[in-house]
Amino acid sequence: MKPIAKVLCTLLVAVALPIFAQQVVVEKDSDLRGAASHSAPVVGKVAQGTKGEVTEKSGAWVNLKAPDAAGWLFSFNVRFAGASSAGGGGGDGGAGLVNRLAGPRTNVSVTSTLGARGLDKESLRNGTFNAEQMKLLDGYATSKDAAQEAARTAGLEAARVTYLVETK
């Protein structure tokens, strides 16, 4: 390859790469890991409010490049840019609306589960039934009576929750 072609290719990659990286804000203090796994070693830390970019995704994990650190963290610990912008458009091709509907949220007092978030189409397509995992999951099941006894033993009391009436 001619030297000028190498320079142009390098320049093109350097200019195009930031376009593909997704801008994020860290939602809570988090450990950065050396790989997309809870068992991977901690290679750094990021504080809530740190801005960075996601350079790669693997299942429910994102590879974050922040000003002072880089590594893998759980995708629920970041808010993707556009997730809190007003209006559905904003010149982002609708991405702001999608991020608000499917992205992580701040200032919400609910318990959330991962569900299918963080899984790409390929992961879902390649998924297979795992009987061992189902047996393990079934092992966590309990009866209503056993759950109530465990709650009593722990000193927990039942509380009635009044649901809000939906207004139009």
N, C-alpha and C. Protein backbone atom coordinates (compact mmCIF):
# COMPACT_ATOMS: atom_id res chain seq x y z
N MET A 1 0.85 -1.17 0.00
CA MET A 1 0.00 0.00 0.00
C MET A 1 0.90 1.24 0.00
N LYS A 2 0.53 2.22 -0.78
CA LYS A 2 1.32 3.44 -0.88
C LYS A 2 1.22 4.23 0.42
N PRO A 3 2.29 4.96 0.78
CA PRO A 3 2.28 5.72 2.03
C PRO A 3 1.11 6.69 2.15
N ILE A 4 0.74 7.35 1.07
CA ILE A 4 -0.38 8.30 1.14
C ILE A 4 -1.69 7.58 1.42
N ALA A 5 -1.85 6.37 0.87
CA ALA A 5 -3.06 5.58 1.12
C ALA A 5 -3.13 5.16 2.58
N LYS A 6 -1.98 4.77 3.16
CA LYS A 6 -1.94 4.40 4.58
C LYS A 6 -2.34 5.57 5.46
N VAL A 7 -1.82 6.73 5.14
CA VAL A 7 -2.14 7.94 5.92
C VAL A 7 -3.62 8.24 5.82
N LEU A 8 -4.18 8.17 4.61
CA LEU A 8 -5.61 8.44 4.42
C LEU A 8 -6.48 7.42 5.16
N CYS A 9 -6.11 6.15 5.11
CA CYS A 9 -6.88 5.12 5.83
C CYS A 9 -6.82 5.35 7.33
N THR A 10 -5.64 5.67 7.85
CA THR A 10 -5.48 5.94 9.27
C THR A 10 -6.32 7.15 9.68
N LEU A 11 -6.28 8.19 8.87
CA LEU A 11 -7.06 9.39 9.15
C LEU A 11 -8.55 9.11 9.12
N LEU A 12 -8.98 8.31 8.15
CA LEU A 12 -10.39 7.95 8.05
C LEU A 12 -10.86 7.19 9.29
N VAL A 13 -10.07 6.23 9.75
CA VAL A 13 -10.41 5.46 10.94
C VAL A 13 -10.44 6.37 12.15
N ALA A 14 -9.47 7.26 12.28
CA ALA A 14 -9.40 8.17 13.44
C ALA A 14 -10.59 9.11 13.48
N VAL A 15 -11.08 9.52 12.32
CA VAL A 15 -12.23 10.42 12.26
C VAL A 15 -13.53 9.66 12.46
N ALA A 16 -13.64 8.47 11.87
CA ALA A 16 -14.89 7.71 11.90
C ALA A 16 -15.13 7.01 13.23
N LEU A 17 -14.10 6.56 13.93
CA LEU A 17 -14.27 5.80 15.17
C LEU A 17 -15.10 6.53 16.21
N PRO A 18 -14.85 7.82 16.49
CA PRO A 18 -15.70 8.50 17.48
C PRO A 18 -17.16 8.59 17.08
N ILE A 19 -17.45 8.54 15.79
CA ILE A 19 -18.83 8.61 15.34
C ILE A 19 -19.59 7.36 15.79
N PHE A 20 -18.92 6.21 15.79
CA PHE A 20 -19.56 4.94 16.13
C PHE A 20 -19.62 4.70 17.63
N ALA A 21 -18.78 5.36 18.41
CA ALA A 21 -18.79 5.19 19.86
C ALA A 21 -20.02 5.89 20.42
N GLN A 22 -20.68 5.27 21.41
CA GLN A 22 -21.87 5.86 22.03
C GLN A 22 -21.45 6.61 23.29
N GLN A 23 -21.90 7.85 23.40
CA GLN A 23 -21.59 8.67 24.56
C GLN A 23 -22.50 8.25 25.72
N VAL A 24 -21.91 8.14 26.93
CA VAL A 24 -22.66 7.72 28.10
C VAL A 24 -22.25 8.56 29.31
N VAL A 25 -23.09 8.50 30.33
CA VAL A 25 -22.79 9.08 31.64
C VAL A 25 -22.95 7.96 32.66
N VAL A 26 -21.99 7.80 33.54
CA VAL A 26 -22.05 6.76 34.57
C VAL A 26 -23.10 7.17 35.60
N GLU A 27 -24.04 6.27 35.90
CA GLU A 27 -25.15 6.58 36.80
C GLU A 27 -24.84 6.31 38.27
N LYS A 28 -23.85 5.47 38.55
CA LYS A 28 -23.47 5.22 39.94
C LYS A 28 -22.01 4.80 39.98
N ASP A 29 -21.36 5.06 41.11
CA ASP A 29 -19.96 4.66 41.26
C ASP A 29 -19.83 3.19 40.89
N SER A 30 -18.85 2.87 40.05
CA SER A 30 -18.75 1.51 39.52
C SER A 30 -17.30 1.07 39.39
N ASP A 31 -17.10 -0.24 39.54
CA ASP A 31 -15.81 -0.84 39.24
C ASP A 31 -15.73 -1.10 37.74
N LEU A 32 -14.55 -0.89 37.18
CA LEU A 32 -14.29 -1.28 35.80
C LEU A 32 -13.52 -2.59 35.84
N ARG A 33 -13.89 -3.52 35.00
CA ARG A 33 -13.27 -4.84 35.01
C ARG A 33 -12.49 -5.08 33.72
N GLY A 34 -11.56 -6.00 33.79
CA GLY A 34 -10.69 -6.30 32.67
C GLY A 34 -11.38 -7.09 31.56
N ALA A 35 -12.54 -7.65 31.86
CA ALA A 35 -13.31 -8.41 30.87
C ALA A 35 -14.79 -8.28 31.24
N ALA A 36 -15.66 -8.70 30.35
CA ALA A 36 -17.10 -8.59 30.55
C ALA A 36 -17.60 -9.72 31.46
N SER A 37 -17.20 -9.67 32.74
CA SER A 37 -17.57 -10.71 33.69
C SER A 37 -17.39 -10.20 35.11
N HIS A 38 -18.31 -10.62 36.00
CA HIS A 38 -18.17 -10.24 37.42
C HIS A 38 -16.92 -10.83 38.04
N SER A 39 -16.43 -11.93 37.49
CA SER A 39 -15.25 -12.57 38.05
C SER A 39 -13.95 -12.00 37.49
N ALA A 40 -14.03 -11.11 36.52
CA ALA A 40 -12.83 -10.50 35.95
C ALA A 40 -12.23 -9.53 36.97
N PRO A 41 -10.91 -9.34 36.94
CA PRO A 41 -10.27 -8.44 37.90
C PRO A 41 -10.70 -6.98 37.68
N VAL A 42 -10.78 -6.25 38.80
CA VAL A 42 -11.09 -4.82 38.75
C VAL A 42 -9.85 -4.09 38.27
N VAL A 43 -10.00 -3.29 37.20
CA VAL A 43 -8.86 -2.57 36.63
C VAL A 43 -8.95 -1.06 36.85
N GLY A 44 -10.07 -0.62 37.42
CA GLY A 44 -10.24 0.81 37.68
C GLY A 44 -11.60 1.08 38.28
N LYS A 45 -11.86 2.35 38.54
CA LYS A 45 -13.14 2.77 39.10
C LYS A 45 -13.57 4.04 38.39
N VAL A 46 -14.90 4.22 38.29
CA VAL A 46 -15.46 5.46 37.76
C VAL A 46 -16.51 5.95 38.73
N ALA A 47 -16.60 7.25 38.86
CA ALA A 47 -17.55 7.87 39.77
C ALA A 47 -18.83 8.24 39.03
N GLN A 48 -19.91 8.33 39.79
CA GLN A 48 -21.18 8.76 39.23
C GLN A 48 -20.97 10.11 38.55
N GLY A 49 -21.55 10.27 37.36
CA GLY A 49 -21.43 11.52 36.62
C GLY A 49 -20.28 11.54 35.62
N THR A 50 -19.40 10.55 35.69
CA THR A 50 -18.29 10.49 34.73
C THR A 50 -18.84 10.30 33.32
N LYS A 51 -18.31 11.08 32.38
CA LYS A 51 -18.72 10.95 30.99
C LYS A 51 -17.69 10.13 30.25
N GLY A 52 -18.15 9.33 29.30
CA GLY A 52 -17.25 8.52 28.52
C GLY A 52 -17.94 8.00 27.29
N GLU A 53 -17.32 7.04 26.64
CA GLU A 53 -17.93 6.46 25.45
C GLU A 53 -17.83 4.94 25.50
N VAL A 54 -18.88 4.31 25.01
CA VAL A 54 -18.92 2.86 24.91
C VAL A 54 -18.30 2.49 23.58
N THR A 55 -17.24 1.70 23.64
CA THR A 55 -16.54 1.30 22.42
C THR A 55 -16.89 -0.10 21.98
N GLU A 56 -17.53 -0.87 22.87
CA GLU A 56 -17.85 -2.25 22.55
C GLU A 56 -18.94 -2.74 23.51
N LYS A 57 -19.73 -3.71 23.07
CA LYS A 57 -20.75 -4.32 23.93
C LYS A 57 -20.58 -5.83 23.90
N SER A 58 -20.87 -6.47 25.03
CA SER A 58 -20.84 -7.93 25.10
C SER A 58 -21.93 -8.35 26.07
N GLY A 59 -23.04 -8.82 25.53
CA GLY A 59 -24.17 -9.20 26.38
C GLY A 59 -24.67 -7.99 27.16
N ALA A 60 -24.69 -8.10 28.48
CA ALA A 60 -25.17 -7.02 29.34
C ALA A 60 -24.04 -6.08 29.76
N TRP A 61 -22.87 -6.21 29.18
CA TRP A 61 -21.71 -5.42 29.56
C TRP A 61 -21.34 -4.44 28.46
N VAL A 62 -20.77 -3.30 28.87
CA VAL A 62 -20.25 -2.32 27.93
C VAL A 62 -18.80 -2.03 28.26
N ASN A 63 -18.01 -1.79 27.24
CA ASN A 63 -16.61 -1.41 27.43
C ASN A 63 -16.57 0.11 27.40
N LEU A 64 -16.24 0.71 28.52
CA LEU A 64 -16.26 2.16 28.69
C LEU A 64 -14.86 2.73 28.58
N LYS A 65 -14.75 3.79 27.80
CA LYS A 65 -13.51 4.56 27.73
C LYS A 65 -13.83 5.91 28.34
N ALA A 66 -13.31 6.17 29.54
CA ALA A 66 -13.53 7.42 30.26
C ALA A 66 -12.21 8.20 30.26
N PRO A 67 -12.25 9.48 30.65
CA PRO A 67 -11.02 10.27 30.63
C PRO A 67 -9.88 9.68 31.47
N ASP A 68 -10.20 9.09 32.62
CA ASP A 68 -9.15 8.60 33.52
C ASP A 68 -9.06 7.09 33.63
N ALA A 69 -9.93 6.36 32.95
CA ALA A 69 -9.93 4.90 33.09
C ALA A 69 -10.67 4.26 31.93
N ALA A 70 -10.45 2.97 31.77
CA ALA A 70 -11.17 2.22 30.74
C ALA A 70 -11.36 0.80 31.24
N GLY A 71 -12.49 0.21 30.88
CA GLY A 71 -12.76 -1.17 31.26
C GLY A 71 -14.23 -1.49 31.07
N TRP A 72 -14.60 -2.70 31.47
CA TRP A 72 -15.95 -3.21 31.31
C TRP A 72 -16.79 -2.94 32.54
N LEU A 73 -18.05 -2.54 32.33
CA LEU A 73 -18.99 -2.41 33.44
C LEU A 73 -20.38 -2.82 32.97
N PHE A 74 -21.24 -3.11 33.93
CA PHE A 74 -22.59 -3.56 33.67
C PHE A 74 -23.37 -2.43 33.01
N SER A 75 -24.13 -2.72 31.96
CA SER A 75 -24.80 -1.69 31.18
C SER A 75 -25.84 -0.89 31.97
N PHE A 76 -26.38 -1.46 33.06
CA PHE A 76 -27.34 -0.70 33.86
C PHE A 76 -26.67 0.44 34.62
N ASN A 77 -25.36 0.46 34.66
CA ASN A 77 -24.65 1.51 35.40
C ASN A 77 -24.36 2.73 34.56
N VAL A 78 -24.83 2.75 33.32
CA VAL A 78 -24.62 3.92 32.46
C VAL A 78 -25.93 4.40 31.87
N ARG A 79 -25.97 5.68 31.53
CA ARG A 79 -27.11 6.27 30.81
C ARG A 79 -26.57 6.71 29.46
N PHE A 80 -27.18 6.23 28.40
CA PHE A 80 -26.74 6.58 27.06
C PHE A 80 -27.16 8.00 26.72
N ALA A 81 -26.31 8.72 26.02
CA ALA A 81 -26.60 10.10 25.63
C ALA A 81 -27.92 10.15 24.88
N GLY A 82 -28.71 11.17 25.15
CA GLY A 82 -30.01 11.29 24.50
C GLY A 82 -31.12 10.69 25.33
N ALA A 83 -30.79 9.96 26.39
CA ALA A 83 -31.82 9.31 27.19
C ALA A 83 -32.66 10.28 27.97
N SER A 84 -32.14 11.49 28.20
CA SER A 84 -32.93 12.44 28.98
C SER A 84 -33.28 13.68 28.19
N SER A 85 -33.02 13.70 26.87
CA SER A 85 -33.34 14.88 26.09
C SER A 85 -34.84 14.98 25.89
N ALA A 86 -35.33 16.19 25.81
CA ALA A 86 -36.77 16.38 25.64
C ALA A 86 -37.16 16.19 24.19
N GLY A 87 -38.39 15.76 23.97
CA GLY A 87 -38.88 15.57 22.61
C GLY A 87 -38.34 14.30 22.01
N GLY A 88 -39.05 13.77 21.04
CA GLY A 88 -38.64 12.52 20.45
C GLY A 88 -37.63 12.68 19.34
N GLY A 89 -37.56 13.86 18.73
CA GLY A 89 -36.70 14.02 17.56
C GLY A 89 -35.31 14.46 17.92
N GLY A 90 -35.10 15.76 17.94
CA GLY A 90 -33.80 16.30 18.30
C GLY A 90 -32.74 16.02 17.26
N GLY A 91 -33.15 15.62 16.05
CA GLY A 91 -32.16 15.39 15.01
C GLY A 91 -31.36 14.12 15.20
N ASP A 92 -31.80 13.25 16.09
CA ASP A 92 -31.05 12.02 16.35
C ASP A 92 -31.69 10.82 15.68
N GLY A 93 -32.60 11.06 14.75
CA GLY A 93 -33.25 9.96 14.06
C GLY A 93 -34.15 9.14 14.96
N GLY A 94 -34.62 9.74 16.06
CA GLY A 94 -35.49 9.03 16.98
C GLY A 94 -34.75 8.29 18.07
N ALA A 95 -33.41 8.34 18.07
CA ALA A 95 -32.64 7.61 19.08
C ALA A 95 -32.93 8.11 20.48
N GLY A 96 -33.19 9.41 20.65
CA GLY A 96 -33.49 9.94 21.97
C GLY A 96 -34.73 9.30 22.56
N LEU A 97 -35.76 9.13 21.74
CA LEU A 97 -36.99 8.50 22.18
C LEU A 97 -36.73 7.04 22.54
N VAL A 98 -36.01 6.34 21.69
CA VAL A 98 -35.70 4.93 21.96
C VAL A 98 -34.92 4.81 23.26
N ASN A 99 -33.92 5.66 23.47
CA ASN A 99 -33.13 5.59 24.70
C ASN A 99 -33.98 5.89 25.92
N ARG A 100 -34.94 6.83 25.80
CA ARG A 100 -35.79 7.13 26.96
C ARG A 100 -36.70 5.96 27.28
N LEU A 101 -37.15 5.25 26.25
CA LEU A 101 -38.05 4.12 26.48
C LEU A 101 -37.31 2.87 26.92
N ALA A 102 -36.13 2.62 26.37
CA ALA A 102 -35.44 1.36 26.63
C ALA A 102 -34.16 1.51 27.43
N GLY A 103 -33.69 2.72 27.59
CA GLY A 103 -32.41 2.93 28.26
C GLY A 103 -32.57 3.02 29.76
N PRO A 104 -31.46 3.04 30.48
CA PRO A 104 -31.53 3.17 31.93
C PRO A 104 -32.08 4.53 32.33
N ARG A 105 -32.67 4.60 33.50
CA ARG A 105 -33.27 5.84 33.98
C ARG A 105 -32.65 6.25 35.31
N THR A 106 -32.68 7.54 35.57
CA THR A 106 -32.20 8.04 36.85
C THR A 106 -33.39 8.57 37.64
N ASN A 107 -33.19 8.74 38.94
CA ASN A 107 -34.22 9.28 39.83
C ASN A 107 -35.51 8.47 39.79
N VAL A 108 -35.40 7.18 39.67
CA VAL A 108 -36.57 6.30 39.68
C VAL A 108 -36.37 5.32 40.83
N SER A 109 -37.34 5.22 41.71
CA SER A 109 -37.21 4.34 42.87
C SER A 109 -37.93 3.03 42.61
N VAL A 110 -37.37 2.22 41.75
CA VAL A 110 -37.91 0.90 41.46
C VAL A 110 -36.77 -0.09 41.40
N THR A 111 -37.11 -1.33 41.57
CA THR A 111 -36.12 -2.39 41.37
C THR A 111 -36.29 -2.87 39.94
N SER A 112 -35.19 -2.96 39.22
CA SER A 112 -35.29 -3.40 37.84
C SER A 112 -34.48 -4.67 37.65
N THR A 113 -34.84 -5.40 36.63
CA THR A 113 -34.09 -6.60 36.29
C THR A 113 -33.58 -6.45 34.87
N LEU A 114 -32.60 -7.22 34.52
CA LEU A 114 -31.99 -7.07 33.21
C LEU A 114 -32.92 -7.45 32.08
N GLY A 115 -33.65 -8.52 32.22
CA GLY A 115 -34.52 -8.96 31.13
C GLY A 115 -33.71 -9.16 29.87
N ALA A 116 -34.23 -8.70 28.75
CA ALA A 116 -33.54 -8.88 27.48
C ALA A 116 -32.65 -7.69 27.14
N ARG A 117 -32.65 -6.65 27.98
CA ARG A 117 -31.81 -5.50 27.69
C ARG A 117 -30.34 -5.92 27.73
N GLY A 118 -29.59 -5.43 26.82
CA GLY A 118 -28.19 -5.77 26.77
C GLY A 118 -27.90 -6.97 25.89
N LEU A 119 -28.92 -7.63 25.41
CA LEU A 119 -28.73 -8.76 24.51
C LEU A 119 -29.00 -8.31 23.09
N ASP A 120 -28.07 -8.59 22.22
CA ASP A 120 -28.29 -8.23 20.82
C ASP A 120 -29.04 -9.34 20.10
N LYS A 121 -29.45 -9.07 18.87
CA LYS A 121 -30.23 -10.04 18.11
C LYS A 121 -29.48 -11.36 17.95
N GLU A 122 -28.19 -11.27 17.72
CA GLU A 122 -27.39 -12.48 17.52
C GLU A 122 -27.39 -13.35 18.77
N SER A 123 -27.26 -12.74 19.96
CA SER A 123 -27.28 -13.50 21.20
C SER A 123 -28.62 -14.20 21.39
N LEU A 124 -29.70 -13.49 21.08
CA LEU A 124 -31.03 -14.09 21.22
C LEU A 124 -31.23 -15.22 20.21
N ARG A 125 -30.74 -15.03 19.00
CA ARG A 125 -30.86 -16.06 17.97
C ARG A 125 -30.10 -17.32 18.34
N ASN A 126 -28.94 -17.15 18.97
CA ASN A 126 -28.08 -18.28 19.29
C ASN A 126 -28.39 -18.91 20.64
N GLY A 127 -29.36 -18.37 21.35
CA GLY A 127 -29.70 -18.89 22.67
C GLY A 127 -30.24 -20.32 22.58
N THR A 128 -29.90 -21.12 23.58
CA THR A 128 -30.39 -22.50 23.62
C THR A 128 -30.92 -22.79 25.01
N PHE A 129 -31.81 -23.77 25.08
CA PHE A 129 -32.36 -24.21 26.35
C PHE A 129 -31.28 -24.92 27.16
N ASN A 130 -31.21 -24.60 28.46
CA ASN A 130 -30.22 -25.22 29.34
C ASN A 130 -30.96 -25.85 30.52
N ALA A 131 -31.14 -27.16 30.48
CA ALA A 131 -31.90 -27.86 31.51
C ALA A 131 -31.25 -27.70 32.89
N GLU A 132 -29.94 -27.69 32.95
CA GLU A 132 -29.24 -27.52 34.24
C GLU A 132 -29.59 -26.17 34.87
N GLN A 133 -29.60 -25.12 34.06
CA GLN A 133 -29.94 -23.79 34.58
C GLN A 133 -31.40 -23.74 35.02
N MET A 134 -32.28 -24.42 34.32
CA MET A 134 -33.69 -24.47 34.72
C MET A 134 -33.85 -25.18 36.05
N LYS A 135 -33.11 -26.27 36.25
CA LYS A 135 -33.15 -26.99 37.54
C LYS A 135 -32.65 -26.07 38.65
N LEU A 136 -31.57 -25.36 38.38
CA LEU A 136 -31.04 -24.43 39.37
C LEU A 136 -32.07 -23.36 39.71
N LEU A 137 -32.71 -22.81 38.69
CA LEU A 137 -33.74 -21.79 38.89
C LEU A 137 -34.91 -22.35 39.68
N ASP A 138 -35.36 -23.55 39.33
CA ASP A 138 -36.46 -24.17 40.06
C ASP A 138 -36.11 -24.39 41.53
N GLY A 139 -34.84 -24.58 41.83
CA GLY A 139 -34.40 -24.77 43.21
C GLY A 139 -34.61 -23.54 44.09
N TYR A 140 -34.78 -22.39 43.47
CA TYR A 140 -35.01 -21.16 44.23
C TYR A 140 -36.49 -20.95 44.55
N ALA A 141 -37.37 -21.74 43.96
CA ALA A 141 -38.80 -21.59 44.17
C ALA A 141 -39.15 -21.96 45.61
N THR A 142 -40.19 -21.32 46.14
CA THR A 142 -40.65 -21.61 47.49
C THR A 142 -42.17 -21.51 47.52
N SER A 143 -42.76 -21.99 48.57
CA SER A 143 -44.21 -21.90 48.71
C SER A 143 -44.57 -20.58 49.40
N LYS A 144 -45.84 -20.22 49.30
CA LYS A 144 -46.32 -19.00 49.95
C LYS A 144 -46.12 -19.11 51.47
N ASP A 145 -46.44 -20.28 52.04
CA ASP A 145 -46.31 -20.48 53.49
C ASP A 145 -44.85 -20.35 53.93
N ALA A 146 -43.92 -20.95 53.17
CA ALA A 146 -42.51 -20.87 53.52
C ALA A 146 -42.00 -19.43 53.42
N ALA A 147 -42.47 -18.70 52.42
CA ALA A 147 -42.07 -17.30 52.27
C ALA A 147 -42.60 -16.46 53.43
N GLN A 148 -43.85 -16.70 53.83
CA GLN A 148 -44.42 -15.95 54.94
C GLN A 148 -43.69 -16.26 56.24
N GLU A 149 -43.33 -17.52 56.46
CA GLU A 149 -42.58 -17.90 57.66
C GLU A 149 -41.21 -17.24 57.68
N ALA A 150 -40.54 -17.21 56.54
CA ALA A 150 -39.22 -16.56 56.46
C ALA A 150 -39.35 -15.07 56.75
N ALA A 151 -40.41 -14.44 56.26
CA ALA A 151 -40.63 -13.02 56.52
C ALA A 151 -40.89 -12.77 58.01
N ARG A 152 -41.73 -13.63 58.63
CA ARG A 152 -42.00 -13.48 60.07
C ARG A 152 -40.72 -13.64 60.87
N THR A 153 -39.92 -14.65 60.54
CA THR A 153 -38.65 -14.90 61.24
C THR A 153 -37.72 -13.70 61.13
N ALA A 154 -37.75 -13.02 59.99
CA ALA A 154 -36.88 -11.86 59.76
C ALA A 154 -37.48 -10.58 60.36
N GLY A 155 -38.69 -10.68 60.94
CA GLY A 155 -39.31 -9.51 61.56
C GLY A 155 -40.02 -8.60 60.57
N LEU A 156 -40.33 -9.11 59.41
CA LEU A 156 -41.03 -8.31 58.41
C LEU A 156 -42.53 -8.41 58.62
N GLU A 157 -43.24 -7.34 58.31
CA GLU A 157 -44.69 -7.32 58.44
C GLU A 157 -45.32 -6.98 57.11
N ALA A 158 -46.51 -7.51 56.88
CA ALA A 158 -47.23 -7.22 55.65
C ALA A 158 -47.67 -5.77 55.65
N ALA A 159 -47.68 -5.14 54.50
CA ALA A 159 -48.14 -3.76 54.36
C ALA A 159 -49.08 -3.68 53.17
N ARG A 160 -50.20 -2.98 53.36
CA ARG A 160 -51.14 -2.80 52.27
C ARG A 160 -50.67 -1.61 51.43
N VAL A 161 -50.67 -1.79 50.12
CA VAL A 161 -50.24 -0.74 49.20
C VAL A 161 -51.46 -0.23 48.45
N THR A 162 -51.69 1.07 48.53
CA THR A 162 -52.78 1.68 47.80
C THR A 162 -52.26 2.09 46.44
N TYR A 163 -52.87 1.58 45.41
CA TYR A 163 -52.43 1.88 44.06
C TYR A 163 -53.01 3.21 43.61
N LEU A 164 -52.26 3.93 42.81
CA LEU A 164 -52.72 5.21 42.26
C LEU A 164 -53.76 4.95 41.19
N VAL A 165 -54.73 5.82 41.13
CA VAL A 165 -55.76 5.72 40.09
C VAL A 165 -55.24 6.45 38.87
N GLU A 166 -55.33 5.80 37.71
CA GLU A 166 -54.86 6.42 36.47
C GLU A 166 -55.81 7.54 36.07
N THR A 167 -55.24 8.72 35.79
CA THR A 167 -56.06 9.85 35.34
C THR A 167 -55.75 10.13 33.88
N LYS A 168 -56.73 10.67 33.20
CA LYS A 168 -56.54 10.95 31.77
C LYS A 168 -56.36 12.41 31.52
